[in-house]
Amino acid sequence: MEMGKPVPQPEQNNGKNGSHVEFVEAVSPSMQSVESVIRELAQTDVPVLILAEQGAGKLTTAQRIHALSPRSSQPFRNVSCHGLKPEELRACAEKAEESGYGTLYLGEIAELSLECQSALLELLPVSPVGPTKQLARIICGSARDLELEVKPGHIREDLYYRISGVCLRLPPLRQRRQDIPILTSHFLEKYAAEFHRAIPSLSSETLQLFDEYSWPGNLHELEDAAKALVALGNENIAMGGLRSVLRRPENGNGARLSLKEAARAASREAEKQLILRVLTRTRWNRRRAAQELQISYKALLYKLKQIGFDGYEAR
């Protein structure tokens, strides 16, 4: 698997700690056209509304716009709108002013309360150009279509038009499958360096599974799967658990695959394989197998029932 080309970004400020972000250039036509728009938007201060499913890269896209902009040497601030209070929003704006008018990213803007929406309107310039003082370049992200949130009154109409100077829609990972090998390779390298381990070389079966899976959690889910592969250190064990997770029925809500869930699935698979090996060696003498496994006979029977082998007898 060849490594994609990560583009180094300047240090970003997420409001708490700085972090180094890499934007991996795409090869899929759908993302390449998005990247072309990103380069154009970076040279302006027009407000941008990024719409995408959970985990599809809204924050990374906002960071990329900032990194390519004339503001790139100034701080980037990432603020979650979930539970945000008006005074906290005003404090963020003040910090942006003190730090030299960088970029302020408001994540999941649809979660902003109506009170906070009014406060944000007070902070936004009437026009992004001209003599009006602009505290920071405003970029917003949402997993929900804000235009649909206006009619029921969840989002103020005047705010919607002020923050959506340009509406940038990111394709989900299932619509940019050509990028999956590049992204997988990037994440494997990232966590191999973090865990001080060798970069796994994935089998064709695993690569095919990654290509065919629809990734409802998008980039976050793919990154978690790659992290599990590196952390567990054995593709057979890791994929034993991951296969059951990746092939399960999807609920379409973009839920992430957690490392804990993947590790549990892999642990169950490893336990199953060990039990079957010992049973094969003892010719399915379950009492002897329980002794070798150092568990009670009753515990072994329970585990066999869990994995669907409780009906097998000694041969």
C-alpha atoms as a PDB file:
ATOM      1  CA  MET A   1       0.000   0.000   0.000  1.00  0.00           C
ATOM      2  CA  GLU A   2       1.541   3.307  -0.990  1.00  0.00           C
ATOM      3  CA  MET A   3       1.482   6.272   1.315  1.00  0.00           C
ATOM      4  CA  GLY A   4      -0.660   9.235   0.287  1.00  0.00           C
ATOM      5  CA  LYS A   5       0.801  12.685   0.319  1.00  0.00           C
ATOM      6  CA  PRO A   6       0.096  14.393   3.637  1.00  0.00           C
ATOM      7  CA  VAL A   7       0.352  18.175   3.559  1.00  0.00           C
ATOM      8  CA  PRO A   8       1.961  19.564   6.742  1.00  0.00           C
ATOM      9  CA  GLN A   9      -0.041  22.311   8.397  1.00  0.00           C
ATOM     10  CA  PRO A  10       1.114  25.026  10.789  1.00  0.00           C
ATOM     11  CA  GLU A  11       0.412  24.515  14.443  1.00  0.00           C
ATOM     12  CA  GLN A  12      -3.256  25.034  15.169  1.00  0.00           C
ATOM     13  CA  ASN A  13      -4.915  26.234  18.354  1.00  0.00           C
ATOM     14  CA  ASN A  14      -8.071  24.403  19.307  1.00  0.00           C
ATOM     15  CA  GLY A  15      -8.766  26.740  22.183  1.00  0.00           C
ATOM     16  CA  LYS A  16      -6.912  24.522  24.649  1.00  0.00           C
ATOM     17  CA  ASN A  17      -3.715  23.069  23.256  1.00  0.00           C
ATOM     18  CA  GLY A  18      -1.905  23.381  19.984  1.00  0.00           C
ATOM     19  CA  SER A  19      -1.907  20.356  17.684  1.00  0.00           C
ATOM     20  CA  HIS A  20      -0.179  19.450  14.451  1.00  0.00           C
ATOM     21  CA  VAL A  21      -2.637  18.605  11.699  1.00  0.00           C
ATOM     22  CA  GLU A  22      -2.003  16.885   8.392  1.00  0.00           C
ATOM     23  CA  PHE A  23      -4.337  17.216   5.434  1.00  0.00           C
ATOM     24  CA  VAL A  24      -4.055  14.195   3.151  1.00  0.00           C
ATOM     25  CA  GLU A  25      -4.486  15.160  -0.485  1.00  0.00           C
ATOM     26  CA  ALA A  26      -7.183  13.172  -2.255  1.00  0.00           C
ATOM     27  CA  VAL A  27      -7.132  11.259  -5.529  1.00  0.00           C
ATOM     28  CA  SER A  28     -10.899  10.856  -5.841  1.00  0.00           C
ATOM     29  CA  PRO A  29     -12.558  13.279  -8.300  1.00  0.00           C
ATOM     30  CA  SER A  30     -15.227  14.248  -5.754  1.00  0.00           C
ATOM     31  CA  MET A  31     -12.642  15.380  -3.179  1.00  0.00           C
ATOM     32  CA  GLN A  32     -10.281  16.911  -5.702  1.00  0.00           C
ATOM     33  CA  SER A  33     -13.026  19.296  -6.791  1.00  0.00           C
ATOM     34  CA  VAL A  34     -13.633  20.157  -3.127  1.00  0.00           C
ATOM     35  CA  GLU A  35      -9.932  20.839  -2.644  1.00  0.00           C
ATOM     36  CA  SER A  36     -10.000  23.206  -5.615  1.00  0.00           C
ATOM     37  CA  VAL A  37     -12.753  25.201  -3.914  1.00  0.00           C
ATOM     38  CA  ILE A  38     -10.809  25.124  -0.619  1.00  0.00           C
ATOM     39  CA  ARG A  39      -7.815  26.793  -2.292  1.00  0.00           C
ATOM     40  CA  GLU A  40     -10.054  29.547  -3.660  1.00  0.00           C
ATOM     41  CA  LEU A  41     -11.864  30.094  -0.364  1.00  0.00           C
ATOM     42  CA  ALA A  42      -8.567  30.369   1.501  1.00  0.00           C
ATOM     43  CA  GLN A  43      -7.785  33.611  -0.320  1.00  0.00           C
ATOM     44  CA  THR A  44     -10.999  35.294   0.848  1.00  0.00           C
ATOM     45  CA  ASP A  45     -12.644  36.086   4.168  1.00  0.00           C
ATOM     46  CA  VAL A  46     -16.131  35.090   3.070  1.00  0.00           C
ATOM     47  CA  PRO A  47     -17.947  33.061   5.768  1.00  0.00           C
ATOM     48  CA  VAL A  48     -17.943  29.334   5.000  1.00  0.00           C
ATOM     49  CA  LEU A  49     -20.478  26.747   6.104  1.00  0.00           C
ATOM     50  CA  ILE A  50     -19.108  23.196   5.862  1.00  0.00           C
ATOM     51  CA  LEU A  51     -21.799  20.512   5.677  1.00  0.00           C
ATOM     52  CA  ALA A  52     -20.905  16.845   6.039  1.00  0.00           C
ATOM     53  CA  GLU A  53     -21.780  13.663   7.881  1.00  0.00           C
ATOM     54  CA  GLN A  54     -20.232  12.989  11.267  1.00  0.00           C
ATOM     55  CA  GLY A  55     -16.568  12.128  10.906  1.00  0.00           C
ATOM     56  CA  ALA A  56     -16.251  13.261   7.268  1.00  0.00           C
ATOM     57  CA  GLY A  57     -13.585  15.893   7.981  1.00  0.00           C
ATOM     58  CA  LYS A  58     -15.285  19.223   8.675  1.00  0.00           C
ATOM     59  CA  LEU A  59     -12.709  20.370  11.222  1.00  0.00           C
ATOM     60  CA  THR A  60      -9.761  19.245   9.082  1.00  0.00           C
ATOM     61  CA  THR A  61     -11.236  21.123   6.101  1.00  0.00           C
ATOM     62  CA  ALA A  62     -11.587  24.290   8.172  1.00  0.00           C
ATOM     63  CA  GLN A  63      -7.974  23.926   9.311  1.00  0.00           C
ATOM     64  CA  ARG A  64      -6.898  23.454   5.703  1.00  0.00           C
ATOM     65  CA  ILE A  65      -8.660  26.661   4.632  1.00  0.00           C
ATOM     66  CA  HIS A  66      -6.917  28.504   7.456  1.00  0.00           C
ATOM     67  CA  ALA A  67      -3.507  27.002   6.642  1.00  0.00           C
ATOM     68  CA  LEU A  68      -3.697  28.182   3.018  1.00  0.00           C
ATOM     69  CA  SER A  69      -4.959  31.650   3.934  1.00  0.00           C
ATOM     70  CA  PRO A  70      -3.095  34.897   4.683  1.00  0.00           C
ATOM     71  CA  ARG A  71      -4.128  34.258   8.305  1.00  0.00           C
ATOM     72  CA  SER A  72      -2.091  31.037   8.515  1.00  0.00           C
ATOM     73  CA  SER A  73       0.461  32.516  10.943  1.00  0.00           C
ATOM     74  CA  GLN A  74      -2.331  33.474  13.337  1.00  0.00           C
ATOM     75  CA  PRO A  75      -4.177  31.156  15.749  1.00  0.00           C
ATOM     76  CA  PHE A  76      -6.922  28.799  14.657  1.00  0.00           C
ATOM     77  CA  ARG A  77      -9.601  28.263  17.308  1.00  0.00           C
ATOM     78  CA  ASN A  78     -11.929  25.279  17.336  1.00  0.00           C
ATOM     79  CA  VAL A  79     -15.072  25.802  19.422  1.00  0.00           C
ATOM     80  CA  SER A  80     -17.827  23.225  19.862  1.00  0.00           C
ATOM     81  CA  CYS A  81     -21.299  24.766  19.847  1.00  0.00           C
ATOM     82  CA  HIS A  82     -22.805  21.983  21.944  1.00  0.00           C
ATOM     83  CA  GLY A  83     -23.778  23.537  25.280  1.00  0.00           C
ATOM     84  CA  LEU A  84     -21.974  26.787  24.444  1.00  0.00           C
ATOM     85  CA  LYS A  85     -23.128  29.804  26.466  1.00  0.00           C
ATOM     86  CA  PRO A  86     -23.302  33.401  25.131  1.00  0.00           C
ATOM     87  CA  GLU A  87     -20.609  34.601  27.542  1.00  0.00           C
ATOM     88  CA  GLU A  88     -18.314  31.779  26.410  1.00  0.00           C
ATOM     89  CA  LEU A  89     -18.889  32.733  22.771  1.00  0.00           C
ATOM     90  CA  ARG A  90     -18.074  36.386  23.497  1.00  0.00           C
ATOM     91  CA  ALA A  91     -14.936  35.308  25.367  1.00  0.00           C
ATOM     92  CA  CYS A  92     -13.845  33.297  22.310  1.00  0.00           C
ATOM     93  CA  ALA A  93     -14.326  36.378  20.145  1.00  0.00           C
ATOM     94  CA  GLU A  94     -12.277  38.482  22.569  1.00  0.00           C
ATOM     95  CA  LYS A  95      -9.464  35.924  22.497  1.00  0.00           C
ATOM     96  CA  ALA A  96      -9.566  35.984  18.709  1.00  0.00           C
ATOM     97  CA  GLU A  97      -9.203  39.765  18.779  1.00  0.00           C
ATOM     98  CA  GLU A  98      -6.328  39.633  21.253  1.00  0.00           C
ATOM     99  CA  SER A  99      -4.498  36.978  19.234  1.00  0.00           C
ATOM    100  CA  GLY A 100      -4.556  38.925  16.000  1.00  0.00           C
ATOM    101  CA  TYR A 101      -7.766  38.045  14.161  1.00  0.00           C
ATOM    102  CA  GLY A 102      -7.157  34.433  13.179  1.00  0.00           C
ATOM    103  CA  THR A 103      -9.823  31.905  12.240  1.00  0.00           C
ATOM    104  CA  LEU A 104     -12.681  30.856  14.513  1.00  0.00           C
ATOM    105  CA  TYR A 105     -14.257  27.497  13.703  1.00  0.00           C
ATOM    106  CA  LEU A 106     -17.676  26.835  15.223  1.00  0.00           C
ATOM    107  CA  GLY A 107     -18.298  23.095  15.133  1.00  0.00           C
ATOM    108  CA  GLU A 108     -21.848  21.724  14.856  1.00  0.00           C
ATOM    109  CA  ILE A 109     -23.418  25.166  14.592  1.00  0.00           C
ATOM    110  CA  ALA A 110     -26.903  23.593  14.587  1.00  0.00           C
ATOM    111  CA  GLU A 111     -26.421  22.892  18.305  1.00  0.00           C
ATOM    112  CA  LEU A 112     -26.150  26.608  19.079  1.00  0.00           C
ATOM    113  CA  SER A 113     -28.935  27.895  21.342  1.00  0.00           C
ATOM    114  CA  LEU A 114     -31.129  30.753  20.117  1.00  0.00           C
ATOM    115  CA  GLU A 115     -29.573  32.979  22.779  1.00  0.00           C
ATOM    116  CA  CYS A 116     -26.116  32.135  21.469  1.00  0.00           C
ATOM    117  CA  GLN A 117     -27.270  32.706  17.902  1.00  0.00           C
ATOM    118  CA  SER A 118     -28.241  36.273  18.839  1.00  0.00           C
ATOM    119  CA  ALA A 119     -24.834  36.794  20.455  1.00  0.00           C
ATOM    120  CA  LEU A 120     -23.077  35.471  17.366  1.00  0.00           C
ATOM    121  CA  LEU A 121     -25.033  37.847  15.134  1.00  0.00           C
ATOM    122  CA  GLU A 122     -23.757  40.756  17.229  1.00  0.00           C
ATOM    123  CA  LEU A 123     -20.181  39.611  16.671  1.00  0.00           C
ATOM    124  CA  LEU A 124     -20.445  38.990  12.948  1.00  0.00           C
ATOM    125  CA  PRO A 125     -19.660  41.850  10.568  1.00  0.00           C
ATOM    126  CA  VAL A 126     -22.449  42.982   8.256  1.00  0.00           C
ATOM    127  CA  SER A 127     -20.082  42.318   5.357  1.00  0.00           C
ATOM    128  CA  PRO A 128     -16.849  40.324   5.305  1.00  0.00           C
ATOM    129  CA  VAL A 129     -15.231  43.061   3.207  1.00  0.00           C
ATOM    130  CA  GLY A 130     -14.995  46.810   3.531  1.00  0.00           C
ATOM    131  CA  PRO A 131     -14.281  49.006   6.540  1.00  0.00           C
ATOM    132  CA  THR A 132     -16.232  46.832   9.021  1.00  0.00           C
ATOM    133  CA  LYS A 133     -13.893  45.409  11.651  1.00  0.00           C
ATOM    134  CA  GLN A 134     -13.848  41.627  11.569  1.00  0.00           C
ATOM    135  CA  LEU A 135     -12.675  39.877  14.714  1.00  0.00           C
ATOM    136  CA  ALA A 136     -11.821  36.596  12.980  1.00  0.00           C
ATOM    137  CA  ARG A 137     -12.521  34.613   9.881  1.00  0.00           C
ATOM    138  CA  ILE A 138     -15.660  32.630  10.723  1.00  0.00           C
ATOM    139  CA  ILE A 139     -16.040  29.056   9.494  1.00  0.00           C
ATOM    140  CA  CYS A 140     -18.946  26.908  10.695  1.00  0.00           C
ATOM    141  CA  GLY A 141     -19.528  23.175  10.431  1.00  0.00           C
ATOM    142  CA  SER A 142     -22.684  21.095  10.692  1.00  0.00           C
ATOM    143  CA  ALA A 143     -23.784  17.506  10.190  1.00  0.00           C
ATOM    144  CA  ARG A 144     -27.352  18.782   9.743  1.00  0.00           C
ATOM    145  CA  ASP A 145     -28.603  20.759   6.754  1.00  0.00           C
ATOM    146  CA  LEU A 146     -29.094  24.212   8.266  1.00  0.00           C
ATOM    147  CA  GLU A 147     -31.516  25.324   5.556  1.00  0.00           C
ATOM    148  CA  LEU A 148     -33.912  22.658   6.846  1.00  0.00           C
ATOM    149  CA  GLU A 149     -33.422  23.926  10.400  1.00  0.00           C
ATOM    150  CA  VAL A 150     -34.571  27.463   9.527  1.00  0.00           C
ATOM    151  CA  LYS A 151     -38.263  26.752   8.858  1.00  0.00           C
ATOM    152  CA  PRO A 152     -39.007  25.078  12.245  1.00  0.00           C
ATOM    153  CA  GLY A 153     -37.153  27.942  13.960  1.00  0.00           C
ATOM    154  CA  HIS A 154     -34.140  25.984  15.183  1.00  0.00           C
ATOM    155  CA  ILE A 155     -31.782  28.295  13.308  1.00  0.00           C
ATOM    156  CA  ARG A 156     -32.376  32.013  12.841  1.00  0.00           C
ATOM    157  CA  GLU A 157     -32.814  32.824   9.166  1.00  0.00           C
ATOM    158  CA  ASP A 158     -30.684  35.982   9.370  1.00  0.00           C
ATOM    159  CA  LEU A 159     -27.873  34.003  11.001  1.00  0.00           C
ATOM    160  CA  TYR A 160     -28.075  31.280   8.382  1.00  0.00           C
ATOM    161  CA  TYR A 161     -27.565  33.742   5.531  1.00  0.00           C
ATOM    162  CA  ARG A 162     -24.736  35.500   7.367  1.00  0.00           C
ATOM    163  CA  ILE A 163     -22.686  32.352   7.992  1.00  0.00           C
ATOM    164  CA  SER A 164     -23.340  30.602   4.678  1.00  0.00           C
ATOM    165  CA  GLY A 165     -21.590  32.954   2.284  1.00  0.00           C
ATOM    166  CA  VAL A 166     -20.320  29.746   0.714  1.00  0.00           C
ATOM    167  CA  CYS A 167     -21.778  26.342   1.516  1.00  0.00           C
ATOM    168  CA  LEU A 168     -19.156  23.619   1.095  1.00  0.00           C
ATOM    169  CA  ARG A 169     -20.449  20.038   1.105  1.00  0.00           C
ATOM    170  CA  LEU A 170     -17.954  17.271   1.818  1.00  0.00           C
ATOM    171  CA  PRO A 171     -18.610  13.816   0.324  1.00  0.00           C
ATOM    172  CA  PRO A 172     -18.813  10.888   2.756  1.00  0.00           C
ATOM    173  CA  LEU A 173     -16.058   8.303   2.577  1.00  0.00           C
ATOM    174  CA  ARG A 174     -18.276   5.817   0.715  1.00  0.00           C
ATOM    175  CA  GLN A 175     -18.418   8.330  -2.174  1.00  0.00           C
ATOM    176  CA  ARG A 176     -14.640   8.720  -2.353  1.00  0.00           C
ATOM    177  CA  ARG A 177     -13.457   5.122  -2.197  1.00  0.00           C
ATOM    178  CA  GLN A 178     -10.307   5.854  -4.216  1.00  0.00           C
ATOM    179  CA  ASP A 179      -9.012   7.699  -1.157  1.00  0.00           C
ATOM    180  CA  ILE A 180      -9.448   4.786   1.273  1.00  0.00           C
ATOM    181  CA  PRO A 181      -6.025   3.140   0.588  1.00  0.00           C
ATOM    182  CA  ILE A 182      -4.247   6.495   0.908  1.00  0.00           C
ATOM    183  CA  LEU A 183      -6.032   7.396   4.130  1.00  0.00           C
ATOM    184  CA  THR A 184      -5.542   3.906   5.578  1.00  0.00           C
ATOM    185  CA  SER A 185      -1.828   4.084   4.875  1.00  0.00           C
ATOM    186  CA  HIS A 186      -1.631   7.532   6.426  1.00  0.00           C
ATOM    187  CA  PHE A 187      -3.378   6.447   9.621  1.00  0.00           C
ATOM    188  CA  LEU A 188      -1.272   3.279   9.916  1.00  0.00           C
ATOM    189  CA  GLU A 189       1.911   5.359   9.652  1.00  0.00           C
ATOM    190  CA  LYS A 190       0.569   7.862  12.169  1.00  0.00           C
ATOM    191  CA  TYR A 191      -0.162   5.265  14.849  1.00  0.00           C
ATOM    192  CA  ALA A 192       2.895   3.148  14.105  1.00  0.00           C
ATOM    193  CA  ALA A 193       4.977   6.233  14.923  1.00  0.00           C
ATOM    194  CA  GLU A 194       2.853   6.996  17.983  1.00  0.00           C
ATOM    195  CA  PHE A 195       3.048   3.434  19.376  1.00  0.00           C
ATOM    196  CA  HIS A 196       6.668   2.876  18.209  1.00  0.00           C
ATOM    197  CA  ARG A 197       5.724  -0.152  16.150  1.00  0.00           C
ATOM    198  CA  ALA A 198       6.283  -1.351  12.615  1.00  0.00           C
ATOM    199  CA  ILE A 199       3.765  -0.240   9.995  1.00  0.00           C
ATOM    200  CA  PRO A 200       1.413  -3.175   9.344  1.00  0.00           C
ATOM    201  CA  SER A 201       1.303  -4.565   5.818  1.00  0.00           C
ATOM    202  CA  LEU A 202      -2.343  -5.376   5.271  1.00  0.00           C
ATOM    203  CA  SER A 203      -3.562  -8.439   3.397  1.00  0.00           C
ATOM    204  CA  SER A 204      -5.611  -8.217   0.219  1.00  0.00           C
ATOM    205  CA  GLU A 205      -8.632  -9.548   2.157  1.00  0.00           C
ATOM    206  CA  THR A 206      -8.456  -6.678   4.650  1.00  0.00           C
ATOM    207  CA  LEU A 207      -7.960  -4.109   1.901  1.00  0.00           C
ATOM    208  CA  GLN A 208     -10.983  -5.489   0.063  1.00  0.00           C
ATOM    209  CA  LEU A 209     -13.057  -5.343   3.251  1.00  0.00           C
ATOM    210  CA  PHE A 210     -12.039  -1.711   3.770  1.00  0.00           C
ATOM    211  CA  ASP A 211     -12.946  -0.915   0.178  1.00  0.00           C
ATOM    212  CA  GLU A 212     -16.370  -2.597   0.293  1.00  0.00           C
ATOM    213  CA  TYR A 213     -17.471  -1.311   3.701  1.00  0.00           C
ATOM    214  CA  SER A 214     -19.667   1.821   3.647  1.00  0.00           C
ATOM    215  CA  TRP A 215     -17.964   3.533   6.649  1.00  0.00           C
ATOM    216  CA  PRO A 216     -20.949   5.237   8.305  1.00  0.00           C
ATOM    217  CA  GLY A 217     -18.476   6.872  10.703  1.00  0.00           C
ATOM    218  CA  ASN A 218     -16.370   8.106   7.769  1.00  0.00           C
ATOM    219  CA  LEU A 219     -12.747   9.179   8.393  1.00  0.00           C
ATOM    220  CA  HIS A 220     -13.061   8.844  12.170  1.00  0.00           C
ATOM    221  CA  GLU A 221     -14.178   5.233  11.850  1.00  0.00           C
ATOM    222  CA  LEU A 222     -11.412   4.394   9.377  1.00  0.00           C
ATOM    223  CA  GLU A 223      -8.847   6.019  11.665  1.00  0.00           C
ATOM    224  CA  ASP A 224     -10.107   4.017  14.644  1.00  0.00           C
ATOM    225  CA  ALA A 225      -9.863   0.786  12.654  1.00  0.00           C
ATOM    226  CA  ALA A 226      -6.279   1.590  11.620  1.00  0.00           C
ATOM    227  CA  LYS A 227      -5.433   2.473  15.209  1.00  0.00           C
ATOM    228  CA  ALA A 228      -6.780  -0.875  16.410  1.00  0.00           C
ATOM    229  CA  LEU A 229      -4.691  -2.723  13.803  1.00  0.00           C
ATOM    230  CA  VAL A 230      -1.505  -1.035  15.011  1.00  0.00           C
ATOM    231  CA  ALA A 231      -2.350  -1.240  18.717  1.00  0.00           C
ATOM    232  CA  LEU A 232      -3.157  -4.958  18.651  1.00  0.00           C
ATOM    233  CA  GLY A 233      -0.061  -5.690  16.576  1.00  0.00           C
ATOM    234  CA  ASN A 234      -1.497  -8.704  14.764  1.00  0.00           C
ATOM    235  CA  GLU A 235      -3.725  -8.360  11.698  1.00  0.00           C
ATOM    236  CA  ASN A 236      -5.323 -11.797  12.132  1.00  0.00           C
ATOM    237  CA  ILE A 237      -6.348 -11.087  15.708  1.00  0.00           C
ATOM    238  CA  ALA A 238      -7.366  -7.477  15.031  1.00  0.00           C
ATOM    239  CA  MET A 239      -9.344  -8.285  11.908  1.00  0.00           C
ATOM    240  CA  GLY A 240     -11.020 -11.217  13.617  1.00  0.00           C
ATOM    241  CA  GLY A 241     -12.769  -8.666  15.766  1.00  0.00           C
ATOM    242  CA  LEU A 242     -12.961  -5.878  13.227  1.00  0.00           C
ATOM    243  CA  ARG A 243     -14.638  -8.082  10.627  1.00  0.00           C
ATOM    244  CA  SER A 244     -17.600  -8.630  12.914  1.00  0.00           C
ATOM    245  CA  VAL A 245     -17.788  -4.909  13.629  1.00  0.00           C
ATOM    246  CA  LEU A 246     -17.323  -3.736  10.041  1.00  0.00           C
ATOM    247  CA  ARG A 247     -19.813  -6.251   8.660  1.00  0.00           C
ATOM    248  CA  ARG A 248     -22.537  -5.632  11.215  1.00  0.00           C
ATOM    249  CA  PRO A 249     -25.829  -4.004  10.135  1.00  0.00           C
ATOM    250  CA  GLU A 250     -25.391  -0.247   9.913  1.00  0.00           C
ATOM    251  CA  ASN A 251     -27.740   2.235  11.517  1.00  0.00           C
ATOM    252  CA  GLY A 252     -26.586   5.071   9.290  1.00  0.00           C
ATOM    253  CA  ASN A 253     -26.158   7.538  12.141  1.00  0.00           C
ATOM    254  CA  GLY A 254     -22.424   7.984  11.615  1.00  0.00           C
ATOM    255  CA  ALA A 255     -21.501   6.410  14.946  1.00  0.00           C
ATOM    256  CA  ARG A 256     -17.786   5.956  15.365  1.00  0.00           C
ATOM    257  CA  LEU A 257     -16.058   2.626  15.791  1.00  0.00           C
ATOM    258  CA  SER A 258     -14.333   3.016  19.161  1.00  0.00           C
ATOM    259  CA  LEU A 259     -10.932   1.512  19.826  1.00  0.00           C
ATOM    260  CA  LYS A 260     -12.376  -0.089  22.978  1.00  0.00           C
ATOM    261  CA  GLU A 261     -15.105  -1.779  20.932  1.00  0.00           C
ATOM    262  CA  ALA A 262     -12.618  -2.994  18.338  1.00  0.00           C
ATOM    263  CA  ALA A 263     -10.277  -4.287  21.052  1.00  0.00           C
ATOM    264  CA  ARG A 264     -13.126  -6.158  22.742  1.00  0.00           C
ATOM    265  CA  ALA A 265     -14.164  -7.713  19.437  1.00  0.00           C
ATOM    266  CA  ALA A 266     -10.587  -8.734  18.699  1.00  0.00           C
ATOM    267  CA  SER A 267     -10.184 -10.145  22.222  1.00  0.00           C
ATOM    268  CA  ARG A 268     -13.327 -12.258  21.814  1.00  0.00           C
ATOM    269  CA  GLU A 269     -12.055 -13.602  18.507  1.00  0.00           C
ATOM    270  CA  ALA A 270      -8.628 -14.409  19.980  1.00  0.00           C
ATOM    271  CA  GLU A 271     -10.294 -16.207  22.905  1.00  0.00           C
ATOM    272  CA  LYS A 272     -12.486 -18.193  20.512  1.00  0.00           C
ATOM    273  CA  GLN A 273      -9.490 -19.308  18.425  1.00  0.00           C
ATOM    274  CA  LEU A 274      -7.556 -20.368  21.551  1.00  0.00           C
ATOM    275  CA  ILE A 275     -10.496 -22.418  22.873  1.00  0.00           C
ATOM    276  CA  LEU A 276     -10.951 -24.169  19.521  1.00  0.00           C
ATOM    277  CA  ARG A 277      -7.229 -24.964  19.242  1.00  0.00           C
ATOM    278  CA  VAL A 278      -7.163 -26.519  22.726  1.00  0.00           C
ATOM    279  CA  LEU A 279     -10.353 -28.484  22.044  1.00  0.00           C
ATOM    280  CA  THR A 280      -8.904 -29.792  18.792  1.00  0.00           C
ATOM    281  CA  ARG A 281      -5.736 -30.849  20.605  1.00  0.00           C
ATOM    282  CA  THR A 282      -7.751 -32.656  23.289  1.00  0.00           C
ATOM    283  CA  ARG A 283     -10.073 -34.169  20.668  1.00  0.00           C
ATOM    284  CA  TRP A 284     -12.933 -32.164  22.145  1.00  0.00           C
ATOM    285  CA  ASN A 285     -12.511 -33.562  25.611  1.00  0.00           C
ATOM    286  CA  ARG A 286     -14.026 -30.527  27.301  1.00  0.00           C
ATOM    287  CA  ARG A 287     -12.892 -31.389  30.842  1.00  0.00           C
ATOM    288  CA  ARG A 288      -9.264 -31.704  29.724  1.00  0.00           C
ATOM    289  CA  ALA A 289      -9.592 -28.533  27.668  1.00  0.00           C
ATOM    290  CA  ALA A 290     -10.939 -26.641  30.680  1.00  0.00           C
ATOM    291  CA  GLN A 291      -7.938 -27.807  32.718  1.00  0.00           C
ATOM    292  CA  GLU A 292      -5.488 -26.645  30.025  1.00  0.00           C
ATOM    293  CA  LEU A 293      -7.272 -23.310  29.717  1.00  0.00           C
ATOM    294  CA  GLN A 294      -7.238 -22.982  33.522  1.00  0.00           C
ATOM    295  CA  ILE A 295     -10.961 -22.250  33.728  1.00  0.00           C
ATOM    296  CA  SER A 296     -13.805 -24.196  35.263  1.00  0.00           C
ATOM    297  CA  TYR A 297     -15.689 -26.783  33.228  1.00  0.00           C
ATOM    298  CA  LYS A 298     -18.867 -24.755  33.684  1.00  0.00           C
ATOM    299  CA  ALA A 299     -17.118 -21.603  32.374  1.00  0.00           C
ATOM    300  CA  LEU A 300     -15.940 -23.483  29.290  1.00  0.00           C
ATOM    301  CA  LEU A 301     -19.465 -24.733  28.568  1.00  0.00           C
ATOM    302  CA  TYR A 302     -20.743 -21.162  28.840  1.00  0.00           C
ATOM    303  CA  LYS A 303     -18.083 -19.856  26.469  1.00  0.00           C
ATOM    304  CA  LEU A 304     -18.803 -22.634  23.969  1.00  0.00           C
ATOM    305  CA  LYS A 305     -22.458 -21.672  24.036  1.00  0.00           C
ATOM    306  CA  GLN A 306     -21.480 -18.032  23.377  1.00  0.00           C
ATOM    307  CA  ILE A 307     -19.486 -18.936  20.275  1.00  0.00           C
ATOM    308  CA  GLY A 308     -22.016 -21.472  18.981  1.00  0.00           C
ATOM    309  CA  PHE A 309     -20.068 -24.709  19.639  1.00  0.00           C
ATOM    310  CA  ASP A 310     -22.019 -26.036  22.630  1.00  0.00           C
ATOM    311  CA  GLY A 311     -23.467 -28.938  20.637  1.00  0.00           C
ATOM    312  CA  TYR A 312     -20.084 -30.475  19.777  1.00  0.00           C
ATOM    313  CA  GLU A 313     -19.027 -33.638  21.616  1.00  0.00           C
ATOM    314  CA  ALA A 314     -15.713 -35.451  22.145  1.00  0.00           C
ATOM    315  CA  ARG A 315     -14.555 -37.514  19.195  1.00  0.00           C
END
